[in-house]
Every structure is written in C-alpha cells, then in structure tokens.
Amino acid sequence: MVRQAVRSANRRVVAAAVAALAGAGLLAGWWSAQAGEPTGPAPKPVRPSASAPAPITGQTSSPDPALPAPKVNMDIAHASESGGRAVNITIDDGPDPTWTPRILKVLKDNGVKATFCMIGPQAAAHPDLVKEVVAESHRLCDHSVSHNTAMDHKSDDYQKQQILDAAQDIEKASGGVKPMYYRAPGGAFTPYSRQTAAANGMRPLGWNVDSKDFEKPGTGTIVRTVLGELGNGPTILFHDGGGNRAQTVAALERLLPQLKQEGYGFGFPVR
C-alpha cells in the first residue's frame, strides 16, 4: 500500500511538471504573438517574379506591357545627337536612281552626313544605291512599304506589316545594315507603331522643319522656308523620291554652305 501511494504521488508530480512546462510554452507563444514575433515555422522564401525590362533613359512614353518591349526610345526623335547648333538633314521617299546620286554628291561635296528614310520596295529595287548610302556613312531609316499617310487609321496588323516588311527590304538591300529609325508617312504615328518600331531597334523619327520641297515651289522658296523655320528645331525634311527633285538638289547646294557660314554643324537625330 505504501509503495502504491508513493508511485501515485510520483506520477502526480511528473504530470504537474509536464503541465507546467506546457503552460509555460503556450504562455511564451502568446507573449511572442503579442510582440509581433513569428510563432510558427519560418515562412518559405518568395521567388522573385521575372524582372520587367529596365526603363529607357529619357523615355516619356509608357510602353504597352502586352507588346514587345522597346529596345530604343519610343518617343518621336527631333533633337540632334551633336547638340548645340547642329542640324539633321533627312531625305525621304527614295532611293531614286536619278535624284539620290545627285543628292549624295552634294552631301559629299559639303562633308555632310544625312539620314535617308527609304520606302521598302524602292530599296529592294535599287540595292546599289542603298549600299552607296551606307558606304558614305549616312544612316538608314524605315519609311514603310506603301507610304500610306493614313497609317494611323489602319489596323495594328497593317502597321506592323508596313514597318517590318520595309525594314527587311532595307536591311537586305544594304547587305545587312539595319535601319536605325522609323518615320511614319506624313507623320502618321500611333503608340502601337512607335512601340513596334522601337521594339525592333528603330527610333521613331519626326521633323522640325518641312522644306515643302515636294510641292516644287522653287529653289529660292525652299531655301527661305528652311532658314525661316530653323528656330523650330534641328531636323529638316527633304525628299529624293516621289518626283522631280531638281529643286531639292539646287536648294541643298545653296543651303549647306550657307548653314556652315552661319555657324551650324550637321549631325544625326538622337537615338
């Protein structure tokens, strides 16, 4: 009987000790929870999601995340890489077998580099001229397949085809040199076309000064128009395709030396 009483007493002591320890653990957990400390198992580390493309310095446009990300700035370029009093000579709608060589000669005679905005099928038809433009260190620009000035009212698929097919024509004709810019016909840009071009490495290209040479108003009028509008910015629009460009050639022969005399330099549009 005495032994049984001792055993029972010992069991009660052990049980009381276990209960006390359990209570202390629960109490410690309660205080930890009140202090904001974790009481359960450590959380599993969260895997970072795929990183978004790094923002492009200076870009103010907001890319559509559903489309391929821009590789270059998708804002429309107007400024000159050279800054200061540099102007950008840009030549549209060629290449043309009659007028492009004459414009290239004027540029070479004056030590001026230009940006040639080419129509895809024209480039494909005159690869020798595209290669000459590249060989003389001018830059290439995509000016679409069809020169449709209502592109901004066309479907996304149409715009994409116009931009990318022309870029392919120009690159093939050049021997592998990609166009660095995209100029929408008539300036008919859309956010979609700008991002599509930029996602394929082509900066959208605008202009500040329209020479109106395509209207063939006379050489003197072209010269006066350009000089009168230079305060608008550095990028000047001329044409080597789309008709007789004799007035454009003559205007460039007068303008380039005069601009140099007035302290202007020449550069390429920003990228």
C-alpha atoms as a PDB file:
ATOM      1  CA  MET A   1       0.000   0.000   0.000  1.00  0.00           C
ATOM      2  CA  VAL A   2       2.799   2.431   0.892  1.00  0.00           C
ATOM      3  CA  ARG A   3       4.647   1.666  -2.355  1.00  0.00           C
ATOM      4  CA  GLN A   4       1.472   2.257  -4.394  1.00  0.00           C
ATOM      5  CA  ALA A   5       0.921   5.594  -2.619  1.00  0.00           C
ATOM      6  CA  VAL A   6       4.499   6.667  -3.426  1.00  0.00           C
ATOM      7  CA  ARG A   7       4.133   5.621  -7.074  1.00  0.00           C
ATOM      8  CA  SER A   8       0.857   7.569  -7.343  1.00  0.00           C
ATOM      9  CA  ALA A   9       2.452  10.620  -5.756  1.00  0.00           C
ATOM     10  CA  ASN A  10       5.389  10.436  -8.147  1.00  0.00           C
ATOM     11  CA  ARG A  11       3.052  10.192 -11.158  1.00  0.00           C
ATOM     12  CA  ARG A  12       1.145  13.264  -9.923  1.00  0.00           C
ATOM     13  CA  VAL A  13       4.413  15.233  -9.557  1.00  0.00           C
ATOM     14  CA  VAL A  14       5.551  14.294 -13.090  1.00  0.00           C
ATOM     15  CA  ALA A  15       2.151  15.163 -14.577  1.00  0.00           C
ATOM     16  CA  ALA A  16       2.139  18.511 -12.810  1.00  0.00           C
ATOM     17  CA  ALA A  17       5.639  19.286 -14.095  1.00  0.00           C
ATOM     18  CA  VAL A  18       4.670  18.405 -17.707  1.00  0.00           C
ATOM     19  CA  ALA A  19       1.557  20.558 -17.425  1.00  0.00           C
ATOM     20  CA  ALA A  20       3.581  23.443 -16.029  1.00  0.00           C
ATOM     21  CA  LEU A  21       6.102  23.212 -18.864  1.00  0.00           C
ATOM     22  CA  ALA A  22       3.341  23.050 -21.474  1.00  0.00           C
ATOM     23  CA  GLY A  23       1.634  26.052 -19.937  1.00  0.00           C
ATOM     24  CA  ALA A  24       4.867  27.993 -19.930  1.00  0.00           C
ATOM     25  CA  GLY A  25       5.378  27.200 -23.618  1.00  0.00           C
ATOM     26  CA  LEU A  26       1.876  28.323 -24.517  1.00  0.00           C
ATOM     27  CA  LEU A  27       2.318  31.466 -22.461  1.00  0.00           C
ATOM     28  CA  ALA A  28       5.640  32.215 -24.134  1.00  0.00           C
ATOM     29  CA  GLY A  29       3.971  31.753 -27.514  1.00  0.00           C
ATOM     30  CA  TRP A  30       1.157  34.090 -26.512  1.00  0.00           C
ATOM     31  CA  TRP A  31       3.637  36.807 -25.459  1.00  0.00           C
ATOM     32  CA  SER A  32       5.594  36.337 -28.661  1.00  0.00           C
ATOM     33  CA  ALA A  33       2.405  36.757 -30.730  1.00  0.00           C
ATOM     34  CA  GLN A  34       1.538  39.940 -28.829  1.00  0.00           C
ATOM     35  CA  ALA A  35       5.012  41.303 -29.551  1.00  0.00           C
ATOM     36  CA  GLY A  36       4.593  40.675 -33.293  1.00  0.00           C
ATOM     37  CA  GLU A  37       7.163  37.918 -33.430  1.00  0.00           C
ATOM     38  CA  PRO A  38       6.564  34.823 -35.543  1.00  0.00           C
ATOM     39  CA  THR A  39       5.434  31.820 -33.546  1.00  0.00           C
ATOM     40  CA  GLY A  40       5.047  29.262 -36.301  1.00  0.00           C
ATOM     41  CA  PRO A  41       7.513  27.786 -38.773  1.00  0.00           C
ATOM     42  CA  ALA A  42       9.682  30.245 -40.751  1.00  0.00           C
ATOM     43  CA  PRO A  43       7.986  31.365 -43.985  1.00  0.00           C
ATOM     44  CA  LYS A  44       9.309  29.976 -47.245  1.00  0.00           C
ATOM     45  CA  PRO A  45      11.315  32.441 -49.314  1.00  0.00           C
ATOM     46  CA  VAL A  46       9.312  34.059 -52.116  1.00  0.00           C
ATOM     47  CA  ARG A  47      10.807  33.597 -55.556  1.00  0.00           C
ATOM     48  CA  PRO A  48      11.169  36.885 -57.422  1.00  0.00           C
ATOM     49  CA  SER A  49       8.993  37.197 -60.492  1.00  0.00           C
ATOM     50  CA  ALA A  50      10.560  37.671 -63.902  1.00  0.00           C
ATOM     51  CA  SER A  51      12.086  41.141 -63.949  1.00  0.00           C
ATOM     52  CA  ALA A  52      10.481  43.799 -66.132  1.00  0.00           C
ATOM     53  CA  PRO A  53      12.643  45.437 -68.829  1.00  0.00           C
ATOM     54  CA  ALA A  54      14.782  48.228 -67.490  1.00  0.00           C
ATOM     55  CA  PRO A  55      13.306  51.666 -68.212  1.00  0.00           C
ATOM     56  CA  ILE A  56      14.905  53.532 -71.117  1.00  0.00           C
ATOM     57  CA  THR A  57      16.656  56.719 -70.044  1.00  0.00           C
ATOM     58  CA  GLY A  58      14.761  59.815 -71.099  1.00  0.00           C
ATOM     59  CA  GLN A  59      11.720  57.986 -72.455  1.00  0.00           C
ATOM     60  CA  THR A  60       8.443  59.682 -71.556  1.00  0.00           C
ATOM     61  CA  SER A  61       6.075  57.297 -73.373  1.00  0.00           C
ATOM     62  CA  SER A  62       4.520  54.416 -71.444  1.00  0.00           C
ATOM     63  CA  PRO A  63       5.026  51.146 -73.350  1.00  0.00           C
ATOM     64  CA  ASP A  64       2.125  48.724 -73.622  1.00  0.00           C
ATOM     65  CA  PRO A  65       3.166  45.729 -71.465  1.00  0.00           C
ATOM     66  CA  ALA A  66       1.211  43.414 -73.764  1.00  0.00           C
ATOM     67  CA  LEU A  67       3.575  44.250 -76.659  1.00  0.00           C
ATOM     68  CA  PRO A  68       7.286  43.519 -77.109  1.00  0.00           C
ATOM     69  CA  ALA A  69       9.316  45.953 -75.031  1.00  0.00           C
ATOM     70  CA  PRO A  70      11.149  48.801 -76.788  1.00  0.00           C
ATOM     71  CA  LYS A  71      14.872  48.311 -77.381  1.00  0.00           C
ATOM     72  CA  VAL A  72      15.360  52.014 -78.070  1.00  0.00           C
ATOM     73  CA  ASN A  73      13.451  55.117 -77.009  1.00  0.00           C
ATOM     74  CA  MET A  74       9.923  55.062 -78.469  1.00  0.00           C
ATOM     75  CA  ASP A  75       9.432  58.830 -78.148  1.00  0.00           C
ATOM     76  CA  ILE A  76       9.498  60.635 -81.505  1.00  0.00           C
ATOM     77  CA  ALA A  77      13.010  61.994 -82.054  1.00  0.00           C
ATOM     78  CA  HIS A  78      13.579  65.601 -83.073  1.00  0.00           C
ATOM     79  CA  ALA A  79      16.859  66.598 -81.419  1.00  0.00           C
ATOM     80  CA  SER A  80      20.364  66.159 -82.797  1.00  0.00           C
ATOM     81  CA  GLU A  81      22.958  63.835 -81.295  1.00  0.00           C
ATOM     82  CA  SER A  82      25.521  66.588 -81.796  1.00  0.00           C
ATOM     83  CA  GLY A  83      23.518  69.162 -79.843  1.00  0.00           C
ATOM     84  CA  GLY A  84      24.326  72.852 -79.989  1.00  0.00           C
ATOM     85  CA  ARG A  85      23.754  74.412 -83.409  1.00  0.00           C
ATOM     86  CA  ALA A  86      23.804  71.102 -85.290  1.00  0.00           C
ATOM     87  CA  VAL A  87      21.027  70.318 -87.765  1.00  0.00           C
ATOM     88  CA  ASN A  88      19.891  66.931 -89.035  1.00  0.00           C
ATOM     89  CA  ILE A  89      19.440  66.567 -92.802  1.00  0.00           C
ATOM     90  CA  THR A  90      16.824  63.893 -93.535  1.00  0.00           C
ATOM     91  CA  ILE A  91      15.906  62.700 -97.040  1.00  0.00           C
ATOM     92  CA  ASP A  92      12.622  60.862 -97.713  1.00  0.00           C
ATOM     93  CA  ASP A  93      10.922  58.582-100.245  1.00  0.00           C
ATOM     94  CA  GLY A  94      13.915  57.144-102.125  1.00  0.00           C
ATOM     95  CA  PRO A  95      16.153  55.782-103.124  1.00  0.00           C
ATOM     96  CA  ASP A  96      15.687  57.119-106.646  1.00  0.00           C
ATOM     97  CA  PRO A  97      18.127  56.284-109.466  1.00  0.00           C
ATOM     98  CA  THR A  98      18.128  59.872-110.748  1.00  0.00           C
ATOM     99  CA  TRP A  99      17.971  62.059-107.652  1.00  0.00           C
ATOM    100  CA  THR A 100      19.619  60.045-104.879  1.00  0.00           C
ATOM    101  CA  PRO A 101      23.053  60.030-106.582  1.00  0.00           C
ATOM    102  CA  ARG A 102      22.854  63.801-107.148  1.00  0.00           C
ATOM    103  CA  ILE A 103      21.921  64.435-103.521  1.00  0.00           C
ATOM    104  CA  LEU A 104      24.703  62.121-102.364  1.00  0.00           C
ATOM    105  CA  LYS A 105      27.172  64.174-104.407  1.00  0.00           C
ATOM    106  CA  VAL A 106      26.016  67.461-102.852  1.00  0.00           C
ATOM    107  CA  LEU A 107      26.325  65.962 -99.378  1.00  0.00           C
ATOM    108  CA  LYS A 108      29.793  64.596-100.128  1.00  0.00           C
ATOM    109  CA  ASP A 109      30.989  67.897-101.620  1.00  0.00           C
ATOM    110  CA  ASN A 110      29.981  69.644 -98.387  1.00  0.00           C
ATOM    111  CA  GLY A 111      31.169  66.952 -95.964  1.00  0.00           C
ATOM    112  CA  VAL A 112      27.634  66.455 -94.607  1.00  0.00           C
ATOM    113  CA  LYS A 113      26.047  63.217 -93.392  1.00  0.00           C
ATOM    114  CA  ALA A 114      22.299  62.654 -93.653  1.00  0.00           C
ATOM    115  CA  THR A 115      19.579  60.184 -92.721  1.00  0.00           C
ATOM    116  CA  PHE A 116      17.815  58.532 -95.662  1.00  0.00           C
ATOM    117  CA  CYS A 117      14.231  57.448 -94.956  1.00  0.00           C
ATOM    118  CA  MET A 118      13.595  54.776 -97.563  1.00  0.00           C
ATOM    119  CA  ILE A 119      10.486  53.142 -98.973  1.00  0.00           C
ATOM    120  CA  GLY A 120      10.875  49.355 -98.734  1.00  0.00           C
ATOM    121  CA  PRO A 121      10.179  48.440-102.397  1.00  0.00           C
ATOM    122  CA  GLN A 122      12.372  51.333-103.584  1.00  0.00           C
ATOM    123  CA  ALA A 123      15.243  49.994-101.514  1.00  0.00           C
ATOM    124  CA  ALA A 124      14.646  46.492-102.860  1.00  0.00           C
ATOM    125  CA  ALA A 125      14.661  47.829-106.435  1.00  0.00           C
ATOM    126  CA  HIS A 126      17.903  49.805-106.002  1.00  0.00           C
ATOM    127  CA  PRO A 127      20.192  47.914-103.628  1.00  0.00           C
ATOM    128  CA  ASP A 128      23.267  49.538-105.203  1.00  0.00           C
ATOM    129  CA  LEU A 129      22.043  52.954-104.021  1.00  0.00           C
ATOM    130  CA  VAL A 130      21.279  51.661-100.522  1.00  0.00           C
ATOM    131  CA  LYS A 131      24.792  50.241-100.295  1.00  0.00           C
ATOM    132  CA  GLU A 132      26.233  53.559-101.513  1.00  0.00           C
ATOM    133  CA  VAL A 133      24.319  55.435 -98.806  1.00  0.00           C
ATOM    134  CA  VAL A 134      25.775  53.087 -96.187  1.00  0.00           C
ATOM    135  CA  ALA A 135      29.283  53.196 -97.681  1.00  0.00           C
ATOM    136  CA  GLU A 136      29.305  57.007 -97.350  1.00  0.00           C
ATOM    137  CA  SER A 137      28.397  56.727 -93.653  1.00  0.00           C
ATOM    138  CA  HIS A 138      24.865  58.058 -93.870  1.00  0.00           C
ATOM    139  CA  ARG A 139      22.151  56.441 -91.753  1.00  0.00           C
ATOM    140  CA  LEU A 140      19.146  54.389 -92.835  1.00  0.00           C
ATOM    141  CA  CYS A 141      15.539  54.958 -91.826  1.00  0.00           C
ATOM    142  CA  ASP A 142      12.435  52.838 -92.482  1.00  0.00           C
ATOM    143  CA  HIS A 143       9.697  54.851 -94.244  1.00  0.00           C
ATOM    144  CA  SER A 144       7.185  51.980 -94.657  1.00  0.00           C
ATOM    145  CA  VAL A 145       6.207  49.862 -97.650  1.00  0.00           C
ATOM    146  CA  SER A 146       3.394  51.862 -99.223  1.00  0.00           C
ATOM    147  CA  HIS A 147       3.870  55.421 -97.876  1.00  0.00           C
ATOM    148  CA  ASN A 148       0.277  55.404 -96.657  1.00  0.00           C
ATOM    149  CA  THR A 149      -0.265  58.729 -94.863  1.00  0.00           C
ATOM    150  CA  ALA A 150      -3.405  57.284 -93.270  1.00  0.00           C
ATOM    151  CA  MET A 151      -1.444  54.593 -91.425  1.00  0.00           C
ATOM    152  CA  ASP A 152      -2.677  55.905 -88.098  1.00  0.00           C
ATOM    153  CA  HIS A 153      -6.204  54.842 -89.118  1.00  0.00           C
ATOM    154  CA  LYS A 154      -5.165  51.327 -90.108  1.00  0.00           C
ATOM    155  CA  SER A 155      -5.179  48.136 -88.043  1.00  0.00           C
ATOM    156  CA  ASP A 156      -2.258  47.134 -85.850  1.00  0.00           C
ATOM    157  CA  ASP A 157      -1.520  44.207 -88.162  1.00  0.00           C
ATOM    158  CA  TYR A 158      -1.342  46.536 -91.172  1.00  0.00           C
ATOM    159  CA  GLN A 159       1.003  48.921 -89.376  1.00  0.00           C
ATOM    160  CA  LYS A 160       3.247  46.071 -88.260  1.00  0.00           C
ATOM    161  CA  GLN A 161       3.460  44.677 -91.781  1.00  0.00           C
ATOM    162  CA  GLN A 162       4.290  48.086 -93.247  1.00  0.00           C
ATOM    163  CA  ILE A 163       7.056  48.710 -90.725  1.00  0.00           C
ATOM    164  CA  LEU A 164       8.682  45.288 -90.547  1.00  0.00           C
ATOM    165  CA  ASP A 165       8.475  44.395 -94.255  1.00  0.00           C
ATOM    166  CA  ALA A 166      10.110  47.691 -95.197  1.00  0.00           C
ATOM    167  CA  ALA A 167      12.810  47.188 -92.569  1.00  0.00           C
ATOM    168  CA  GLN A 168      13.528  43.756 -94.028  1.00  0.00           C
ATOM    169  CA  ASP A 169      13.721  45.176 -97.572  1.00  0.00           C
ATOM    170  CA  ILE A 170      16.142  47.892 -96.490  1.00  0.00           C
ATOM    171  CA  GLU A 171      18.353  45.557 -94.482  1.00  0.00           C
ATOM    172  CA  LYS A 172      18.567  43.051 -97.325  1.00  0.00           C
ATOM    173  CA  ALA A 173      19.312  45.759 -99.912  1.00  0.00           C
ATOM    174  CA  SER A 174      22.018  47.279 -97.705  1.00  0.00           C
ATOM    175  CA  GLY A 175      23.838  43.983 -97.294  1.00  0.00           C
ATOM    176  CA  GLY A 176      22.830  43.535 -93.658  1.00  0.00           C
ATOM    177  CA  VAL A 177      22.694  47.037 -92.190  1.00  0.00           C
ATOM    178  CA  LYS A 178      19.507  47.615 -90.205  1.00  0.00           C
ATOM    179  CA  PRO A 179      17.617  50.912 -90.335  1.00  0.00           C
ATOM    180  CA  MET A 180      18.113  52.940 -87.162  1.00  0.00           C
ATOM    181  CA  TYR A 181      14.887  54.966 -87.349  1.00  0.00           C
ATOM    182  CA  TYR A 182      11.267  54.701 -88.441  1.00  0.00           C
ATOM    183  CA  ARG A 183       9.470  57.695 -89.916  1.00  0.00           C
ATOM    184  CA  ALA A 184       5.734  57.290 -90.359  1.00  0.00           C
ATOM    185  CA  PRO A 185       4.480  58.578 -93.736  1.00  0.00           C
ATOM    186  CA  GLY A 186       3.102  62.062 -93.192  1.00  0.00           C
ATOM    187  CA  GLY A 187       3.932  61.726 -89.506  1.00  0.00           C
ATOM    188  CA  ALA A 188       1.022  59.302 -89.041  1.00  0.00           C
ATOM    189  CA  PHE A 189       2.414  57.673 -85.899  1.00  0.00           C
ATOM    190  CA  THR A 190       0.412  55.724 -83.346  1.00  0.00           C
ATOM    191  CA  PRO A 191       1.539  54.445 -79.943  1.00  0.00           C
ATOM    192  CA  TYR A 192       1.421  50.961 -81.470  1.00  0.00           C
ATOM    193  CA  SER A 193       3.584  51.842 -84.478  1.00  0.00           C
ATOM    194  CA  ARG A 194       6.095  53.683 -82.304  1.00  0.00           C
ATOM    195  CA  GLN A 195       6.462  50.750 -79.918  1.00  0.00           C
ATOM    196  CA  THR A 196       6.631  48.243 -82.770  1.00  0.00           C
ATOM    197  CA  ALA A 197       9.444  50.216 -84.387  1.00  0.00           C
ATOM    198  CA  ALA A 198      11.296  50.712 -81.097  1.00  0.00           C
ATOM    199  CA  ALA A 199      10.953  47.021 -80.208  1.00  0.00           C
ATOM    200  CA  ASN A 200      12.801  46.321 -83.460  1.00  0.00           C
ATOM    201  CA  GLY A 201      15.588  48.790 -82.753  1.00  0.00           C
ATOM    202  CA  MET A 202      14.231  51.769 -84.726  1.00  0.00           C
ATOM    203  CA  ARG A 203      13.706  55.132 -83.027  1.00  0.00           C
ATOM    204  CA  PRO A 204      10.574  56.937 -84.280  1.00  0.00           C
ATOM    205  CA  LEU A 205      11.756  59.985 -86.226  1.00  0.00           C
ATOM    206  CA  GLY A 206       9.903  63.250 -86.678  1.00  0.00           C
ATOM    207  CA  TRP A 207      10.959  66.614 -88.101  1.00  0.00           C
ATOM    208  CA  ASN A 208      11.001  70.261 -87.094  1.00  0.00           C
ATOM    209  CA  VAL A 209      11.438  71.958 -90.454  1.00  0.00           C
ATOM    210  CA  ASP A 210       9.422  70.936 -93.519  1.00  0.00           C
ATOM    211  CA  SER A 211      11.171  72.323 -96.589  1.00  0.00           C
ATOM    212  CA  LYS A 212       7.984  71.728 -98.646  1.00  0.00           C
ATOM    213  CA  ASP A 213      10.271  70.706-101.496  1.00  0.00           C
ATOM    214  CA  PHE A 214       7.732  68.056-102.543  1.00  0.00           C
ATOM    215  CA  GLU A 215       5.474  70.916-103.706  1.00  0.00           C
ATOM    216  CA  LYS A 216       8.253  72.142-106.043  1.00  0.00           C
ATOM    217  CA  PRO A 217       7.736  75.802-105.072  1.00  0.00           C
ATOM    218  CA  GLY A 218      11.081  76.930-106.484  1.00  0.00           C
ATOM    219  CA  THR A 219      14.625  76.694-105.176  1.00  0.00           C
ATOM    220  CA  GLY A 220      14.572  80.132-103.554  1.00  0.00           C
ATOM    221  CA  THR A 221      11.336  79.377-101.719  1.00  0.00           C
ATOM    222  CA  ILE A 222      12.742  76.107-100.370  1.00  0.00           C
ATOM    223  CA  VAL A 223      15.841  77.897 -99.089  1.00  0.00           C
ATOM    224  CA  ARG A 224      13.803  80.685 -97.452  1.00  0.00           C
ATOM    225  CA  THR A 225      11.415  78.167 -95.868  1.00  0.00           C
ATOM    226  CA  VAL A 226      14.244  76.207 -94.269  1.00  0.00           C
ATOM    227  CA  LEU A 227      16.086  79.265 -92.988  1.00  0.00           C
ATOM    228  CA  GLY A 228      12.855  80.771 -91.679  1.00  0.00           C
ATOM    229  CA  GLU A 229      11.850  77.660 -89.729  1.00  0.00           C
ATOM    230  CA  LEU A 230      15.180  76.648 -88.186  1.00  0.00           C
ATOM    231  CA  GLY A 231      14.032  78.156 -84.911  1.00  0.00           C
ATOM    232  CA  ASN A 232      11.548  75.261 -84.653  1.00  0.00           C
ATOM    233  CA  GLY A 233      14.319  72.704 -84.170  1.00  0.00           C
ATOM    234  CA  PRO A 234      17.159  70.905 -85.911  1.00  0.00           C
ATOM    235  CA  THR A 235      15.618  68.141 -88.033  1.00  0.00           C
ATOM    236  CA  ILE A 236      14.994  69.220 -91.633  1.00  0.00           C
ATOM    237  CA  LEU A 237      12.853  67.256 -94.098  1.00  0.00           C
ATOM    238  CA  PHE A 238      13.794  66.947 -97.792  1.00  0.00           C
ATOM    239  CA  HIS A 239      12.930  64.386-100.479  1.00  0.00           C
ATOM    240  CA  ASP A 240      14.888  62.394-103.043  1.00  0.00           C
ATOM    241  CA  GLY A 241      11.906  60.373-104.271  1.00  0.00           C
ATOM    242  CA  GLY A 242       8.339  60.917-105.419  1.00  0.00           C
ATOM    243  CA  GLY A 243       9.026  63.092-108.461  1.00  0.00           C
ATOM    244  CA  ASN A 244      11.456  65.550-109.988  1.00  0.00           C
ATOM    245  CA  ARG A 245      13.797  66.723-107.227  1.00  0.00           C
ATOM    246  CA  ALA A 246      15.948  69.159-109.197  1.00  0.00           C
ATOM    247  CA  GLN A 247      14.811  71.997-106.916  1.00  0.00           C
ATOM    248  CA  THR A 248      15.816  69.984-103.840  1.00  0.00           C
ATOM    249  CA  VAL A 249      19.296  69.387-105.240  1.00  0.00           C
ATOM    250  CA  ALA A 250      19.698  73.080-106.066  1.00  0.00           C
ATOM    251  CA  ALA A 251      18.376  74.130-102.649  1.00  0.00           C
ATOM    252  CA  LEU A 252      20.843  71.838-100.857  1.00  0.00           C
ATOM    253  CA  GLU A 253      23.690  73.225-102.983  1.00  0.00           C
ATOM    254  CA  ARG A 254      22.842  76.679-101.607  1.00  0.00           C
ATOM    255  CA  LEU A 255      21.775  75.766 -98.094  1.00  0.00           C
ATOM    256  CA  LEU A 256      24.619  73.542 -96.910  1.00  0.00           C
ATOM    257  CA  PRO A 257      27.419  76.092 -97.447  1.00  0.00           C
ATOM    258  CA  GLN A 258      25.234  78.901 -96.086  1.00  0.00           C
ATOM    259  CA  LEU A 259      24.399  76.972 -92.927  1.00  0.00           C
ATOM    260  CA  LYS A 260      28.106  76.321 -92.374  1.00  0.00           C
ATOM    261  CA  GLN A 261      28.877  80.012 -92.822  1.00  0.00           C
ATOM    262  CA  GLU A 262      26.237  80.830 -90.209  1.00  0.00           C
ATOM    263  CA  GLY A 263      27.871  78.539 -87.683  1.00  0.00           C
ATOM    264  CA  TYR A 264      25.676  75.471 -88.000  1.00  0.00           C
ATOM    265  CA  GLY A 265      27.047  71.947 -87.802  1.00  0.00           C
ATOM    266  CA  PHE A 266      25.491  68.723 -89.031  1.00  0.00           C
ATOM    267  CA  GLY A 267      24.599  65.567 -87.161  1.00  0.00           C
ATOM    268  CA  PHE A 268      22.198  62.671 -86.844  1.00  0.00           C
ATOM    269  CA  PRO A 269      18.929  62.514 -84.906  1.00  0.00           C
ATOM    270  CA  VAL A 270      19.113  61.226 -81.350  1.00  0.00           C
ATOM    271  CA  ARG A 271      18.601  57.550 -80.721  1.00  0.00           C
END
